[in-house]
Amino acid sequence: MKICTIRELLDAQVLVGEENLGRHVYSACGSDMMSDVLAYVKDQAVLMTGLVNAQVIRTAEMMDMVCIVFVRSKQPTEEMLRLAEESGIVVMSTAKRMYEACGILYSNGLVGNKVRETAV
């Protein structure tokens, strides 16, 4: 799915990285806990979060994510936008809640990690 399609599906406002809206992404995750993103997320290109601090940008950069969508109309600071721009990360904001945003993307074919079965 292209990032521009995510923007359309979520009726999101692009805050930074408009030149990268044509990039393709194949997976997404949603979390307000960056420790969970670091511990459990693998190969996720899009992060949806309501957490607004610079650690979100740094976490996305460390995990090679290419897009962050702030849910619930959250607005990142200028410092966060500058960090994202330097890293080539698209940043958007949507009025949708995280549950709804994740559901919309999932139902349109953007998936998360496959859960591995563990032996009991």
N, C-alpha and C. Protein backbone atom coordinates (compact mmCIF):
# COMPACT_ATOMS: atom_id res chain seq x y z
N MET A 1 0.85 -1.17 0.00
CA MET A 1 0.00 0.00 0.00
C MET A 1 0.90 1.24 0.00
N LYS A 2 0.53 2.21 -0.77
CA LYS A 2 1.29 3.46 -0.78
C LYS A 2 0.89 4.34 0.41
N ILE A 3 1.83 5.14 0.86
CA ILE A 3 1.56 6.03 1.99
C ILE A 3 0.44 7.01 1.63
N CYS A 4 0.36 7.43 0.38
CA CYS A 4 -0.72 8.34 -0.03
C CYS A 4 -2.09 7.68 0.15
N THR A 5 -2.16 6.36 0.00
CA THR A 5 -3.42 5.63 0.22
C THR A 5 -3.77 5.63 1.71
N ILE A 6 -2.76 5.47 2.56
CA ILE A 6 -2.98 5.55 4.01
C ILE A 6 -3.55 6.92 4.36
N ARG A 7 -2.97 7.95 3.79
CA ARG A 7 -3.46 9.32 4.03
C ARG A 7 -4.93 9.43 3.66
N GLU A 8 -5.29 8.90 2.50
CA GLU A 8 -6.68 8.98 2.05
C GLU A 8 -7.61 8.17 2.94
N LEU A 9 -7.21 6.94 3.26
CA LEU A 9 -8.07 6.06 4.07
C LEU A 9 -8.32 6.63 5.46
N LEU A 10 -7.31 7.28 6.02
CA LEU A 10 -7.42 7.82 7.38
C LEU A 10 -7.82 9.29 7.41
N ASP A 11 -8.02 9.87 6.22
CA ASP A 11 -8.32 11.30 6.12
C ASP A 11 -7.31 12.09 6.96
N ALA A 12 -6.04 11.77 6.73
CA ALA A 12 -4.96 12.34 7.54
C ALA A 12 -4.34 13.57 6.89
N GLN A 13 -3.80 14.41 7.73
CA GLN A 13 -3.08 15.61 7.30
C GLN A 13 -1.59 15.28 7.29
N VAL A 14 -0.92 15.56 6.18
CA VAL A 14 0.53 15.34 6.09
C VAL A 14 1.23 16.53 6.74
N LEU A 15 2.07 16.25 7.73
CA LEU A 15 2.78 17.30 8.45
C LEU A 15 4.21 17.45 7.95
N VAL A 16 4.78 16.36 7.50
CA VAL A 16 6.15 16.37 6.98
C VAL A 16 6.33 15.16 6.07
N GLY A 17 7.14 15.31 5.03
CA GLY A 17 7.49 14.18 4.17
C GLY A 17 6.58 13.98 2.98
N GLU A 18 5.89 15.01 2.55
CA GLU A 18 4.96 14.88 1.42
C GLU A 18 5.63 14.29 0.18
N GLU A 19 6.91 14.54 0.02
CA GLU A 19 7.63 14.02 -1.14
C GLU A 19 7.76 12.49 -1.12
N ASN A 20 7.50 11.88 0.02
CA ASN A 20 7.61 10.42 0.15
C ASN A 20 6.27 9.69 0.17
N LEU A 21 5.19 10.36 -0.19
CA LEU A 21 3.87 9.74 -0.16
C LEU A 21 3.72 8.60 -1.16
N GLY A 22 4.57 8.52 -2.14
CA GLY A 22 4.51 7.46 -3.13
C GLY A 22 5.20 6.18 -2.71
N ARG A 23 5.85 6.19 -1.54
CA ARG A 23 6.54 4.98 -1.06
C ARG A 23 5.54 3.89 -0.71
N HIS A 24 5.94 2.66 -0.98
CA HIS A 24 5.11 1.50 -0.63
C HIS A 24 5.45 1.01 0.77
N VAL A 25 4.42 0.62 1.51
CA VAL A 25 4.61 0.00 2.82
C VAL A 25 3.80 -1.30 2.84
N TYR A 26 4.24 -2.24 3.65
CA TYR A 26 3.63 -3.56 3.64
C TYR A 26 3.11 -4.01 4.99
N SER A 27 3.33 -3.21 6.04
CA SER A 27 2.89 -3.60 7.36
C SER A 27 2.78 -2.38 8.26
N ALA A 28 2.06 -2.56 9.38
CA ALA A 28 1.84 -1.45 10.30
C ALA A 28 1.67 -1.97 11.72
N CYS A 29 1.79 -1.06 12.68
CA CYS A 29 1.51 -1.40 14.07
C CYS A 29 0.94 -0.17 14.76
N GLY A 30 0.28 -0.39 15.88
CA GLY A 30 -0.26 0.71 16.66
C GLY A 30 0.11 0.52 18.11
N SER A 31 0.71 1.55 18.72
CA SER A 31 1.09 1.46 20.13
C SER A 31 1.41 2.84 20.67
N ASP A 32 1.10 3.03 21.95
CA ASP A 32 1.53 4.24 22.66
C ASP A 32 2.73 3.95 23.56
N MET A 33 3.16 2.70 23.56
CA MET A 33 4.30 2.32 24.40
C MET A 33 5.50 2.00 23.51
N MET A 34 6.47 2.89 23.49
CA MET A 34 7.62 2.70 22.61
C MET A 34 8.46 1.50 23.04
N SER A 35 8.39 1.13 24.33
CA SER A 35 9.11 -0.07 24.76
C SER A 35 8.53 -1.31 24.09
N ASP A 36 7.21 -1.35 23.89
CA ASP A 36 6.60 -2.47 23.17
C ASP A 36 6.99 -2.46 21.71
N VAL A 37 7.05 -1.29 21.12
CA VAL A 37 7.47 -1.19 19.72
C VAL A 37 8.88 -1.73 19.58
N LEU A 38 9.77 -1.36 20.47
CA LEU A 38 11.15 -1.84 20.41
C LEU A 38 11.25 -3.33 20.67
N ALA A 39 10.42 -3.85 21.57
CA ALA A 39 10.52 -5.26 21.96
C ALA A 39 9.82 -6.21 20.99
N TYR A 40 8.71 -5.79 20.41
CA TYR A 40 7.88 -6.74 19.68
C TYR A 40 7.72 -6.46 18.19
N VAL A 41 8.01 -5.26 17.77
CA VAL A 41 7.74 -4.90 16.38
C VAL A 41 8.93 -5.25 15.50
N LYS A 42 8.64 -5.95 14.43
CA LYS A 42 9.67 -6.29 13.44
C LYS A 42 9.12 -5.98 12.06
N ASP A 43 9.90 -5.30 11.27
CA ASP A 43 9.55 -5.02 9.87
C ASP A 43 8.22 -4.30 9.71
N GLN A 44 7.90 -3.40 10.60
CA GLN A 44 6.69 -2.60 10.47
C GLN A 44 7.07 -1.26 9.86
N ALA A 45 6.41 -0.87 8.81
CA ALA A 45 6.76 0.36 8.13
C ALA A 45 6.00 1.58 8.63
N VAL A 46 4.81 1.35 9.20
CA VAL A 46 3.96 2.45 9.66
C VAL A 46 3.67 2.27 11.15
N LEU A 47 3.86 3.35 11.90
CA LEU A 47 3.56 3.34 13.33
C LEU A 47 2.40 4.29 13.58
N MET A 48 1.34 3.80 14.22
CA MET A 48 0.24 4.64 14.64
C MET A 48 0.30 4.79 16.15
N THR A 49 0.25 6.03 16.61
CA THR A 49 0.40 6.29 18.04
C THR A 49 -0.30 7.58 18.44
N GLY A 50 -0.61 7.67 19.72
CA GLY A 50 -1.13 8.90 20.29
C GLY A 50 -0.12 9.56 21.20
N LEU A 51 1.05 8.94 21.32
CA LEU A 51 2.12 9.47 22.15
C LEU A 51 2.87 10.57 21.39
N VAL A 52 3.00 11.72 22.01
CA VAL A 52 3.65 12.85 21.34
C VAL A 52 4.89 13.25 22.13
N ASN A 53 6.02 12.65 21.75
CA ASN A 53 7.32 13.10 22.25
C ASN A 53 8.40 12.66 21.28
N ALA A 54 9.58 13.22 21.43
CA ALA A 54 10.67 12.96 20.47
C ALA A 54 11.06 11.49 20.43
N GLN A 55 10.80 10.74 21.50
CA GLN A 55 11.15 9.33 21.52
C GLN A 55 10.41 8.54 20.44
N VAL A 56 9.24 8.98 20.06
CA VAL A 56 8.47 8.32 18.99
C VAL A 56 9.27 8.37 17.69
N ILE A 57 9.82 9.52 17.38
CA ILE A 57 10.59 9.68 16.14
C ILE A 57 11.86 8.84 16.21
N ARG A 58 12.53 8.90 17.34
CA ARG A 58 13.78 8.12 17.49
C ARG A 58 13.51 6.61 17.40
N THR A 59 12.42 6.17 18.00
CA THR A 59 12.06 4.74 17.94
C THR A 59 11.76 4.34 16.50
N ALA A 60 10.98 5.14 15.80
CA ALA A 60 10.65 4.84 14.40
C ALA A 60 11.91 4.79 13.55
N GLU A 61 12.81 5.69 13.81
CA GLU A 61 14.08 5.70 13.07
C GLU A 61 14.88 4.43 13.34
N MET A 62 14.98 4.04 14.61
CA MET A 62 15.72 2.82 14.97
C MET A 62 15.12 1.57 14.34
N MET A 63 13.81 1.57 14.19
CA MET A 63 13.11 0.39 13.66
C MET A 63 12.91 0.47 12.14
N ASP A 64 13.55 1.44 11.50
CA ASP A 64 13.47 1.62 10.04
C ASP A 64 12.04 1.83 9.55
N MET A 65 11.22 2.50 10.33
CA MET A 65 9.86 2.82 9.90
C MET A 65 9.91 4.03 8.98
N VAL A 66 8.97 4.09 8.06
CA VAL A 66 8.97 5.18 7.09
C VAL A 66 7.81 6.15 7.27
N CYS A 67 6.88 5.82 8.18
CA CYS A 67 5.71 6.68 8.36
C CYS A 67 5.19 6.57 9.79
N ILE A 68 4.82 7.71 10.35
CA ILE A 68 4.17 7.77 11.66
C ILE A 68 2.85 8.50 11.48
N VAL A 69 1.79 7.90 12.02
CA VAL A 69 0.48 8.54 12.00
C VAL A 69 0.07 8.80 13.45
N PHE A 70 -0.08 10.07 13.80
CA PHE A 70 -0.56 10.42 15.13
C PHE A 70 -2.08 10.40 15.10
N VAL A 71 -2.66 9.62 16.00
CA VAL A 71 -4.11 9.46 16.06
C VAL A 71 -4.72 10.46 17.04
N ARG A 72 -6.03 10.53 17.06
CA ARG A 72 -6.77 11.42 17.97
C ARG A 72 -6.37 12.89 17.81
N SER A 73 -6.03 13.27 16.56
CA SER A 73 -5.66 14.66 16.23
C SER A 73 -4.46 15.17 17.00
N LYS A 74 -3.62 14.27 17.49
CA LYS A 74 -2.41 14.69 18.20
C LYS A 74 -1.47 15.40 17.22
N GLN A 75 -0.79 16.42 17.72
CA GLN A 75 0.12 17.21 16.89
C GLN A 75 1.52 17.18 17.47
N PRO A 76 2.50 16.71 16.69
CA PRO A 76 3.88 16.68 17.16
C PRO A 76 4.47 18.08 17.24
N THR A 77 5.53 18.20 18.02
CA THR A 77 6.22 19.48 18.16
C THR A 77 7.07 19.76 16.92
N GLU A 78 7.52 20.98 16.81
CA GLU A 78 8.41 21.37 15.70
C GLU A 78 9.71 20.56 15.75
N GLU A 79 10.21 20.31 16.95
CA GLU A 79 11.43 19.51 17.10
C GLU A 79 11.21 18.10 16.53
N MET A 80 10.06 17.52 16.84
CA MET A 80 9.75 16.18 16.34
C MET A 80 9.66 16.18 14.82
N LEU A 81 9.02 17.19 14.26
CA LEU A 81 8.90 17.27 12.81
C LEU A 81 10.26 17.44 12.15
N ARG A 82 11.12 18.21 12.78
CA ARG A 82 12.48 18.39 12.25
C ARG A 82 13.25 17.07 12.26
N LEU A 83 13.16 16.33 13.37
CA LEU A 83 13.83 15.03 13.46
C LEU A 83 13.30 14.07 12.39
N ALA A 84 12.00 14.05 12.21
CA ALA A 84 11.39 13.16 11.21
C ALA A 84 11.84 13.54 9.81
N GLU A 85 11.86 14.81 9.53
CA GLU A 85 12.28 15.28 8.20
C GLU A 85 13.72 14.89 7.92
N GLU A 86 14.59 15.05 8.91
CA GLU A 86 16.00 14.67 8.76
C GLU A 86 16.15 13.18 8.52
N SER A 87 15.22 12.38 9.04
CA SER A 87 15.28 10.93 8.89
C SER A 87 14.48 10.42 7.70
N GLY A 88 13.81 11.30 7.00
CA GLY A 88 13.02 10.89 5.84
C GLY A 88 11.74 10.16 6.20
N ILE A 89 11.21 10.43 7.40
CA ILE A 89 9.99 9.78 7.87
C ILE A 89 8.79 10.68 7.57
N VAL A 90 7.76 10.10 6.97
CA VAL A 90 6.51 10.83 6.74
C VAL A 90 5.76 10.90 8.06
N VAL A 91 5.26 12.08 8.40
CA VAL A 91 4.47 12.25 9.63
C VAL A 91 3.10 12.80 9.25
N MET A 92 2.06 12.12 9.76
CA MET A 92 0.69 12.55 9.51
C MET A 92 -0.09 12.57 10.81
N SER A 93 -1.23 13.25 10.77
CA SER A 93 -2.13 13.28 11.92
C SER A 93 -3.55 13.01 11.43
N THR A 94 -4.28 12.19 12.18
CA THR A 94 -5.68 11.89 11.85
C THR A 94 -6.55 12.08 13.09
N ALA A 95 -7.78 12.43 12.85
CA ALA A 95 -8.73 12.58 13.96
C ALA A 95 -9.22 11.22 14.47
N LYS A 96 -9.01 10.19 13.70
CA LYS A 96 -9.49 8.86 14.07
C LYS A 96 -8.77 8.34 15.32
N ARG A 97 -9.47 7.51 16.08
CA ARG A 97 -8.85 6.84 17.22
C ARG A 97 -8.00 5.69 16.72
N MET A 98 -7.08 5.23 17.54
CA MET A 98 -6.15 4.19 17.10
C MET A 98 -6.87 2.93 16.67
N TYR A 99 -7.84 2.49 17.43
CA TYR A 99 -8.57 1.26 17.11
C TYR A 99 -9.18 1.35 15.71
N GLU A 100 -9.82 2.47 15.44
CA GLU A 100 -10.46 2.67 14.14
C GLU A 100 -9.42 2.76 13.03
N ALA A 101 -8.35 3.51 13.25
CA ALA A 101 -7.31 3.67 12.23
C ALA A 101 -6.66 2.33 11.89
N CYS A 102 -6.34 1.55 12.91
CA CYS A 102 -5.75 0.23 12.67
C CYS A 102 -6.72 -0.67 11.91
N GLY A 103 -7.98 -0.64 12.29
CA GLY A 103 -8.99 -1.46 11.63
C GLY A 103 -9.16 -1.09 10.16
N ILE A 104 -9.16 0.19 9.88
CA ILE A 104 -9.30 0.65 8.49
C ILE A 104 -8.12 0.15 7.65
N LEU A 105 -6.92 0.31 8.16
CA LEU A 105 -5.75 -0.12 7.38
C LEU A 105 -5.72 -1.63 7.23
N TYR A 106 -6.04 -2.35 8.30
CA TYR A 106 -6.04 -3.81 8.24
C TYR A 106 -7.08 -4.30 7.24
N SER A 107 -8.27 -3.74 7.29
CA SER A 107 -9.34 -4.20 6.39
C SER A 107 -9.06 -3.85 4.94
N ASN A 108 -8.12 -2.94 4.72
CA ASN A 108 -7.72 -2.59 3.36
C ASN A 108 -6.42 -3.26 2.93
N GLY A 109 -5.98 -4.26 3.71
CA GLY A 109 -4.86 -5.10 3.28
C GLY A 109 -3.52 -4.83 3.92
N LEU A 110 -3.40 -3.83 4.79
CA LEU A 110 -2.12 -3.57 5.45
C LEU A 110 -2.07 -4.41 6.72
N VAL A 111 -1.12 -5.30 6.81
CA VAL A 111 -1.08 -6.27 7.91
C VAL A 111 -0.01 -5.93 8.94
N GLY A 112 -0.02 -6.68 10.03
CA GLY A 112 1.01 -6.58 11.06
C GLY A 112 1.89 -7.81 11.00
N ASN A 113 2.62 -8.07 12.07
CA ASN A 113 3.45 -9.27 12.15
C ASN A 113 2.59 -10.51 12.22
N LYS A 114 3.11 -11.59 11.72
CA LYS A 114 2.47 -12.88 11.92
C LYS A 114 2.81 -13.33 13.33
N VAL A 115 1.82 -13.80 14.06
CA VAL A 115 2.04 -14.28 15.42
C VAL A 115 2.50 -15.72 15.34
N ARG A 116 3.62 -16.00 15.99
CA ARG A 116 4.14 -17.37 16.00
C ARG A 116 3.47 -18.17 17.09
N GLU A 117 3.10 -19.37 16.77
CA GLU A 117 2.52 -20.28 17.76
C GLU A 117 3.65 -20.74 18.68
N THR A 118 3.37 -20.78 19.97
CA THR A 118 4.37 -21.27 20.91
C THR A 118 3.87 -22.54 21.56
N ALA A 119 4.75 -23.46 21.79
CA ALA A 119 4.37 -24.72 22.42
C ALA A 119 4.10 -24.48 23.90
N VAL A 120 3.10 -25.15 24.41
CA VAL A 120 2.75 -24.99 25.83
C VAL A 120 3.36 -26.09 26.64
